[in-house]
Amino acid sequence: MLISGSLDYSVRFWDVSKGVCVKTLGGYNFEIQSVLFAPNRQILATGGTDSSIRVWDIVSGSLSKILLGHTDAVWSFCFSPDGKLLASCSHDKTIKLWNIDTGNCIATINGDIGRVRSVTFSESGKILAAVGEDKNIELWNIHERKLIKRLLGQTDIFWSASFSPTDILATGDWDGQLQLWDVEKGECIRTLSGHTGWITSLAWSPDGKILASSSYDKSIRLWDTSNFTCLKVLAEHTGNVWSISFSPDGRYIASASEDKTVRLWDMNDFSCAEVLNSYSSGVCSADFNYPGNILANTSKDNSIQLWDTKTWNCINTLKIDQLCEGMNINGVTGLTPAQRGELLALGAVENNQ
């Protein structure tokens, strides 16, 4: 048997006598695209393009569970308000509900919105909203696993969704428009314009008075929810802004960007209070834990960093091992430069000691 690794990050097993590939394994290099703390619990969930969701114990810094079931990239997930359920959505067009204590998938929801881009729980935890590529919104009764209603009438692909503390649903689309929905009536009650790129993330302040939106246009917009006028445009990032998150006390917004930084914005005067820039690649996601003393973020190098929000020092880095993680190939002969590069991409090292 011969094993080969490829620049497409797959591993192939070959029957040498027959000269045929008998098995292919993929997903050994991927992007972690989402990071999210569970409410009132010391656990963190991460998900990405390898179709899995990983659950981390923040106290020990160890990986506690891997949730397997999706067959394509996991775009987004959300915890129920009580932290007991995790809903995830995927490029495979499904939504899955997970018991976070056991790690078991307790339900798979097959909607009719194409590839699902974002899911969000209502404040009560009874309704799950899902948006996707067919330009519609589905509202699901979580306890009965039944579709309540489908909201229609939009003209572009949805990318993000978020319920307010009063259960107003905000959605953002590919065209840079925000929509606000009365889910009881099933009506779009307002459309907000201003972004010039697709809406990547939405976040409500804890008191519901500010709605924040981030965009591919490199900006963050803050909307006054009393009249839905734009309070401020935060435009200091030099790359696409992928993710935003309010601190539990509403004092800060954290924004994660392709420009390899996380910025912390003070909501008292809308100034940039801190820039975290110890990343080697774009930052995909950021989230505060519920006490607000830790900020987690993940970058395209697949590291997850935890920051102390009092000192803004990095207190831990979580890393997902790859197939050849730690394999020392120093002194190994017979490797071409391409083969050596493949092994290094899969986590191998060249250590002289």
Protein backbone atom coordinates (compact mmCIF):
# COMPACT_ATOMS: atom_id res chain seq x y z
CA MET A 1 0.00 0.00 0.00
CA LEU A 2 1.25 3.48 -0.92
CA ILE A 3 -0.08 6.67 0.70
CA SER A 4 0.17 10.02 -1.08
CA GLY A 5 -0.72 13.57 -0.08
CA SER A 6 -1.81 16.23 -2.54
CA LEU A 7 -1.91 20.01 -2.79
CA ASP A 8 -5.71 19.72 -2.77
CA TYR A 9 -5.22 18.50 0.85
CA SER A 10 -6.52 15.02 0.13
CA VAL A 11 -4.79 11.77 1.06
CA ARG A 12 -4.93 8.80 -1.31
CA PHE A 13 -4.30 5.12 -0.63
CA TRP A 14 -2.94 3.18 -3.61
CA ASP A 15 -2.83 -0.54 -4.41
CA VAL A 16 0.69 -0.63 -5.87
CA SER A 17 0.26 -4.02 -7.54
CA LYS A 18 -2.75 -2.77 -9.52
CA GLY A 19 -1.75 0.88 -9.79
CA VAL A 20 -5.18 2.06 -8.65
CA CYS A 21 -6.39 4.42 -5.91
CA VAL A 22 -8.48 2.42 -3.45
CA LYS A 23 -9.48 5.21 -1.05
CA THR A 24 -9.39 9.01 -0.85
CA LEU A 25 -9.59 11.01 2.36
CA GLY A 26 -10.20 14.76 2.23
CA GLY A 27 -10.54 17.70 4.56
CA TYR A 28 -7.11 17.74 6.18
CA ASN A 29 -6.69 21.42 5.49
CA PHE A 30 -9.65 23.75 5.83
CA GLU A 31 -10.84 27.09 7.10
CA ILE A 32 -12.48 27.58 10.48
CA GLN A 33 -15.17 30.08 9.57
CA SER A 34 -17.23 30.48 12.74
CA VAL A 35 -16.59 30.69 16.46
CA LEU A 36 -19.31 31.01 19.10
CA PHE A 37 -19.56 30.78 22.90
CA ALA A 38 -22.46 28.95 24.51
CA PRO A 39 -24.64 31.07 26.81
CA ASN A 40 -23.57 30.84 30.46
CA ARG A 41 -21.24 27.92 29.82
CA GLN A 42 -17.49 27.49 29.51
CA ILE A 43 -17.63 25.95 26.03
CA LEU A 44 -16.84 27.25 22.58
CA ALA A 45 -17.99 25.89 19.23
CA THR A 46 -16.04 26.23 15.98
CA GLY A 47 -16.99 25.17 12.48
CA GLY A 48 -15.68 25.40 8.96
CA THR A 49 -15.20 23.93 5.54
CA ASP A 50 -14.38 20.37 6.69
CA SER A 51 -18.12 19.81 7.53
CA SER A 52 -17.51 19.21 11.24
CA ILE A 53 -18.20 21.25 14.38
CA ARG A 54 -15.73 21.17 17.24
CA VAL A 55 -16.67 21.87 20.85
CA TRP A 56 -13.90 23.14 23.14
CA ASP A 57 -13.62 23.26 26.92
CA ILE A 58 -12.40 26.79 27.62
CA VAL A 59 -11.24 26.04 31.17
CA SER A 60 -8.84 23.29 30.09
CA GLY A 61 -8.33 24.53 26.52
CA SER A 62 -9.00 21.01 25.25
CA LEU A 63 -11.17 19.69 22.46
CA SER A 64 -14.12 17.89 24.07
CA LYS A 65 -16.34 16.85 21.14
CA ILE A 66 -16.44 16.69 17.36
CA LEU A 67 -19.95 16.83 15.90
CA LEU A 68 -20.13 14.89 12.64
CA GLY A 69 -23.10 14.69 10.31
CA HIS A 70 -22.96 17.47 7.74
CA THR A 71 -21.53 16.50 4.36
CA ASP A 72 -20.29 19.93 3.28
CA ALA A 73 -19.01 23.20 4.73
CA VAL A 74 -20.67 24.45 7.92
CA TRP A 75 -21.40 28.14 7.33
CA SER A 76 -23.03 29.16 10.58
CA PHE A 77 -24.46 27.95 13.86
CA CYS A 78 -26.21 29.33 16.91
CA PHE A 79 -26.94 28.21 20.45
CA SER A 80 -30.42 28.18 21.92
CA PRO A 81 -30.86 30.82 24.66
CA ASP A 82 -30.48 28.16 27.38
CA GLY A 83 -27.28 26.83 25.77
CA LYS A 84 -28.57 23.26 25.53
CA LEU A 85 -29.05 23.07 21.76
CA LEU A 86 -26.83 24.01 18.87
CA ALA A 87 -28.36 24.60 15.44
CA SER A 88 -25.98 24.41 12.48
CA CYS A 89 -26.45 25.10 8.78
CA SER A 90 -24.44 23.90 5.85
CA HIS A 91 -23.60 24.03 2.18
CA ASP A 92 -25.24 20.56 2.12
CA LYS A 93 -28.65 22.34 2.33
CA THR A 94 -29.54 20.97 5.77
CA ILE A 95 -29.97 22.30 9.28
CA LYS A 96 -28.99 20.05 12.17
CA LEU A 97 -29.93 20.29 15.84
CA TRP A 98 -27.40 18.98 18.35
CA ASN A 99 -27.64 18.12 22.04
CA ILE A 100 -24.53 19.96 23.18
CA ASP A 101 -24.06 17.79 26.30
CA THR A 102 -24.09 14.44 24.48
CA GLY A 103 -22.87 15.64 21.09
CA ASN A 104 -25.72 13.75 19.42
CA CYS A 105 -27.61 15.06 16.41
CA ILE A 106 -31.26 14.99 17.52
CA ALA A 107 -32.84 16.25 14.30
CA THR A 108 -32.06 17.09 10.70
CA ILE A 109 -34.21 19.72 9.01
CA ASN A 110 -34.45 19.61 5.25
CA GLY A 111 -35.84 22.95 4.16
CA ASP A 112 -36.36 24.43 0.76
CA ILE A 113 -34.00 27.40 0.71
CA GLY A 114 -31.02 25.82 -1.03
CA ARG A 115 -27.63 26.11 0.62
CA VAL A 116 -28.32 27.45 4.10
CA ARG A 117 -26.18 30.44 5.03
CA SER A 118 -27.34 31.51 8.49
CA VAL A 119 -29.55 30.37 11.38
CA THR A 120 -30.73 32.25 14.47
CA PHE A 121 -32.90 31.41 17.49
CA SER A 122 -35.66 33.70 18.70
CA GLU A 123 -35.32 35.08 22.22
CA SER A 124 -37.74 32.43 23.52
CA GLY A 125 -35.83 29.65 21.80
CA LYS A 126 -39.04 28.33 20.22
CA ILE A 127 -38.42 29.59 16.68
CA LEU A 128 -35.42 29.05 14.44
CA ALA A 129 -35.03 31.29 11.40
CA ALA A 130 -32.94 30.12 8.45
CA VAL A 131 -31.83 31.98 5.34
CA GLY A 132 -30.14 30.72 2.23
CA GLU A 133 -29.48 30.99 -1.45
CA ASP A 134 -33.04 30.76 -2.76
CA LYS A 135 -33.78 34.31 -1.48
CA ASN A 136 -36.39 33.27 1.08
CA ILE A 137 -36.59 32.85 4.87
CA GLU A 138 -37.91 29.81 6.71
CA LEU A 139 -39.26 29.91 10.28
CA TRP A 140 -39.26 26.58 12.13
CA ASN A 141 -40.98 25.48 15.33
CA ILE A 142 -38.07 23.79 17.08
CA HIS A 143 -40.10 21.65 19.48
CA GLU A 144 -42.33 20.20 16.76
CA ARG A 145 -39.72 20.38 13.96
CA LYS A 146 -42.37 21.95 11.73
CA LEU A 147 -42.17 24.78 9.25
CA ILE A 148 -44.26 27.67 10.59
CA LYS A 149 -44.04 29.95 7.58
CA ARG A 150 -41.89 31.02 4.68
CA LEU A 151 -41.19 34.73 4.15
CA LEU A 152 -41.03 35.66 0.48
CA GLY A 153 -40.41 38.59 -1.78
CA GLN A 154 -36.67 39.28 -1.68
CA THR A 155 -34.57 39.73 -4.80
CA ASP A 156 -31.11 38.58 -3.72
CA ILE A 157 -29.35 35.81 -1.81
CA PHE A 158 -29.47 36.10 1.98
CA TRP A 159 -26.20 35.77 3.86
CA SER A 160 -26.97 36.65 7.49
CA ALA A 161 -29.83 36.72 10.00
CA SER A 162 -30.26 37.71 13.65
CA PHE A 163 -33.19 37.99 16.06
CA SER A 164 -33.44 41.06 18.31
CA PRO A 165 -34.23 40.78 22.05
CA THR A 166 -37.85 41.60 21.07
CA ASP A 167 -37.91 39.00 18.26
CA ILE A 168 -37.65 41.38 15.31
CA LEU A 169 -35.75 39.44 12.66
CA ALA A 170 -32.97 41.23 10.79
CA THR A 171 -31.61 39.78 7.56
CA GLY A 172 -28.80 40.89 5.27
CA ASP A 173 -28.43 40.07 1.60
CA TRP A 174 -25.86 39.85 -1.15
CA ASP A 175 -26.88 43.26 -2.52
CA GLY A 176 -26.00 45.08 0.72
CA GLN A 177 -29.60 45.57 1.89
CA LEU A 178 -30.88 44.93 5.42
CA GLN A 179 -34.47 43.86 6.01
CA LEU A 180 -36.43 43.92 9.27
CA TRP A 181 -39.27 41.42 9.67
CA ASP A 182 -42.32 41.09 11.88
CA VAL A 183 -42.32 37.31 12.09
CA GLU A 184 -45.82 37.12 13.58
CA LYS A 185 -47.31 38.93 10.59
CA GLY A 186 -44.76 37.53 8.16
CA GLU A 187 -44.07 41.01 6.79
CA CYS A 188 -40.97 43.00 5.95
CA ILE A 189 -41.48 46.20 7.94
CA ARG A 190 -38.39 48.11 6.84
CA THR A 191 -35.43 47.99 4.45
CA LEU A 192 -32.14 49.69 5.33
CA SER A 193 -29.68 50.78 2.65
CA GLY A 194 -26.14 52.09 2.81
CA HIS A 195 -23.71 49.22 2.39
CA THR A 196 -22.14 48.76 -1.04
CA GLY A 197 -21.17 45.10 -0.53
CA TRP A 198 -22.94 42.01 0.76
CA ILE A 199 -23.88 41.85 4.43
CA THR A 200 -21.59 39.38 6.17
CA SER A 201 -22.82 39.61 9.77
CA LEU A 202 -25.51 41.18 11.98
CA ALA A 203 -25.54 41.82 15.73
CA TRP A 204 -28.02 43.48 18.10
CA SER A 205 -26.85 45.31 21.20
CA PRO A 206 -27.97 43.55 24.42
CA ASP A 207 -30.64 46.21 25.03
CA GLY A 208 -31.82 46.08 21.41
CA LYS A 209 -31.21 49.79 20.84
CA ILE A 210 -28.50 49.36 18.18
CA LEU A 211 -28.32 47.00 15.23
CA ALA A 212 -24.83 46.55 13.81
CA SER A 213 -24.10 45.28 10.31
CA SER A 214 -20.78 44.36 8.71
CA SER A 215 -20.06 44.11 5.04
CA TYR A 216 -17.78 43.08 2.24
CA ASP A 217 -17.40 46.84 1.66
CA LYS A 218 -14.96 46.91 4.64
CA SER A 219 -17.30 48.87 6.89
CA ILE A 220 -19.57 48.43 9.92
CA ARG A 221 -22.80 50.41 10.17
CA LEU A 222 -24.60 51.14 13.42
CA TRP A 223 -28.36 51.65 13.19
CA ASP A 224 -30.52 53.40 15.79
CA THR A 225 -33.45 51.03 16.27
CA SER A 226 -35.79 53.80 17.48
CA ASN A 227 -35.95 55.26 13.98
CA PHE A 228 -33.54 53.00 12.03
CA THR A 229 -31.29 55.79 10.88
CA CYS A 230 -27.56 55.18 10.57
CA LEU A 231 -25.81 56.44 13.70
CA LYS A 232 -22.26 55.83 12.56
CA VAL A 233 -20.15 54.20 9.88
CA LEU A 234 -17.00 52.51 11.22
CA ALA A 235 -14.60 52.36 8.29
CA GLU A 236 -11.06 51.82 9.58
CA HIS A 237 -10.66 48.24 8.37
CA THR A 238 -8.73 47.83 5.13
CA GLY A 239 -10.25 44.47 4.26
CA ASN A 240 -13.66 42.81 4.21
CA VAL A 241 -15.31 42.64 7.64
CA TRP A 242 -16.47 39.05 8.15
CA SER A 243 -17.92 39.09 11.65
CA ILE A 244 -19.12 41.39 14.45
CA SER A 245 -20.11 40.73 18.06
CA PHE A 246 -21.32 42.90 20.96
CA SER A 247 -19.85 42.43 24.41
CA PRO A 248 -22.52 41.34 26.94
CA ASP A 249 -22.54 44.77 28.59
CA GLY A 250 -22.90 46.51 25.22
CA ARG A 251 -19.74 48.57 25.70
CA TYR A 252 -17.76 47.13 22.80
CA ILE A 253 -18.22 45.71 19.35
CA ALA A 254 -15.53 43.33 18.12
CA SER A 255 -15.02 43.15 14.35
CA ALA A 256 -13.01 40.47 12.52
CA SER A 257 -11.55 41.33 9.14
CA GLU A 258 -9.69 40.01 6.14
CA ASP A 259 -7.05 42.68 6.92
CA LYS A 260 -5.66 40.32 9.62
CA THR A 261 -6.98 42.37 12.54
CA VAL A 262 -9.71 42.38 15.15
CA ARG A 263 -10.85 45.85 16.17
CA LEU A 264 -12.62 46.75 19.39
CA TRP A 265 -15.00 49.69 19.08
CA ASP A 266 -16.09 51.72 22.11
CA MET A 267 -19.85 52.34 21.89
CA ASN A 268 -19.60 55.45 24.09
CA ASP A 269 -17.90 57.50 21.39
CA PHE A 270 -17.66 55.00 18.49
CA SER A 271 -13.85 55.16 18.58
CA CYS A 272 -11.52 52.25 17.92
CA ALA A 273 -10.29 51.37 21.41
CA GLU A 274 -7.98 48.47 20.55
CA VAL A 275 -6.51 46.68 17.53
CA LEU A 276 -5.52 43.01 17.84
CA ASN A 277 -3.10 42.28 15.02
CA SER A 278 -1.12 39.16 15.86
CA TYR A 279 -2.55 37.17 12.95
CA SER A 280 -0.81 35.71 9.91
CA SER A 281 -3.97 35.65 7.79
CA GLY A 282 -7.50 37.05 7.60
CA VAL A 283 -9.69 36.78 10.71
CA CYS A 284 -13.01 35.05 10.02
CA SER A 285 -15.01 35.31 13.23
CA ALA A 286 -15.07 36.81 16.73
CA ASP A 287 -17.32 36.36 19.76
CA PHE A 288 -17.44 37.36 23.44
CA ASN A 289 -18.23 34.87 26.17
CA TYR A 290 -21.22 35.70 28.36
CA PRO A 291 -19.37 37.10 31.38
CA GLY A 292 -17.55 39.24 28.82
CA ASN A 293 -14.05 38.52 30.13
CA ILE A 294 -12.92 36.52 27.09
CA LEU A 295 -12.98 37.29 23.37
CA ALA A 296 -12.48 34.38 20.98
CA ASN A 297 -11.59 34.67 17.33
CA THR A 298 -10.40 32.46 14.54
CA SER A 299 -8.25 33.18 11.52
CA LYS A 300 -7.63 31.43 8.23
CA ASP A 301 -4.51 29.76 9.64
CA ASN A 302 -7.02 27.67 11.65
CA SER A 303 -5.89 28.91 15.03
CA ILE A 304 -8.41 29.99 17.66
CA GLN A 305 -7.19 32.71 20.00
CA LEU A 306 -8.63 33.62 23.39
CA TRP A 307 -8.10 37.17 24.68
CA ASP A 308 -8.43 38.67 28.15
CA THR A 309 -10.76 41.65 27.65
CA LYS A 310 -9.25 43.61 30.57
CA THR A 311 -5.65 43.53 29.36
CA TRP A 312 -6.21 42.49 25.73
CA ASN A 313 -3.48 39.89 26.12
CA CYS A 314 -3.81 36.55 24.33
CA ILE A 315 -4.29 33.97 27.09
CA ASN A 316 -4.56 30.80 24.99
CA THR A 317 -4.33 29.56 21.40
CA LEU A 318 -6.29 26.49 20.35
CA LYS A 319 -5.07 24.64 17.27
CA ILE A 320 -6.61 21.82 15.27
CA ASP A 321 -4.12 19.11 14.37
CA GLN A 322 -3.72 18.22 10.72
CA LEU A 323 -2.99 14.78 9.26
CA CYS A 324 0.83 15.01 9.50
CA GLU A 325 0.89 17.34 12.53
CA GLY A 326 4.35 17.31 14.15
CA MET A 327 5.86 14.74 11.76
CA ASN A 328 9.56 15.60 11.47
CA ILE A 329 10.71 15.29 7.85
CA ASN A 330 14.14 16.78 8.41
CA GLY A 331 16.71 14.47 6.82
CA VAL A 332 14.12 12.42 4.93
CA THR A 333 15.56 11.65 1.49
CA GLY A 334 13.81 11.02 -1.80
CA LEU A 335 11.22 13.79 -1.45
CA THR A 336 10.75 16.19 -4.33
CA PRO A 337 10.21 19.88 -3.46
CA ALA A 338 6.52 19.44 -4.30
CA GLN A 339 6.18 16.41 -2.00
CA ARG A 340 7.97 18.22 0.80
CA GLY A 341 5.61 21.16 0.36
CA GLU A 342 2.60 18.84 0.49
CA LEU A 343 3.73 17.30 3.77
CA LEU A 344 4.42 20.71 5.32
CA ALA A 345 0.94 21.85 4.25
CA LEU A 346 -0.46 18.82 6.09
CA GLY A 347 1.29 19.79 9.35
CA ALA A 348 4.75 18.23 9.05
CA VAL A 349 7.80 20.11 10.36
CA GLU A 350 11.50 20.29 9.57
CA ASN A 351 13.26 20.19 12.92
CA ASN A 352 17.07 19.90 13.13
CA GLN A 353 16.98 18.54 16.67
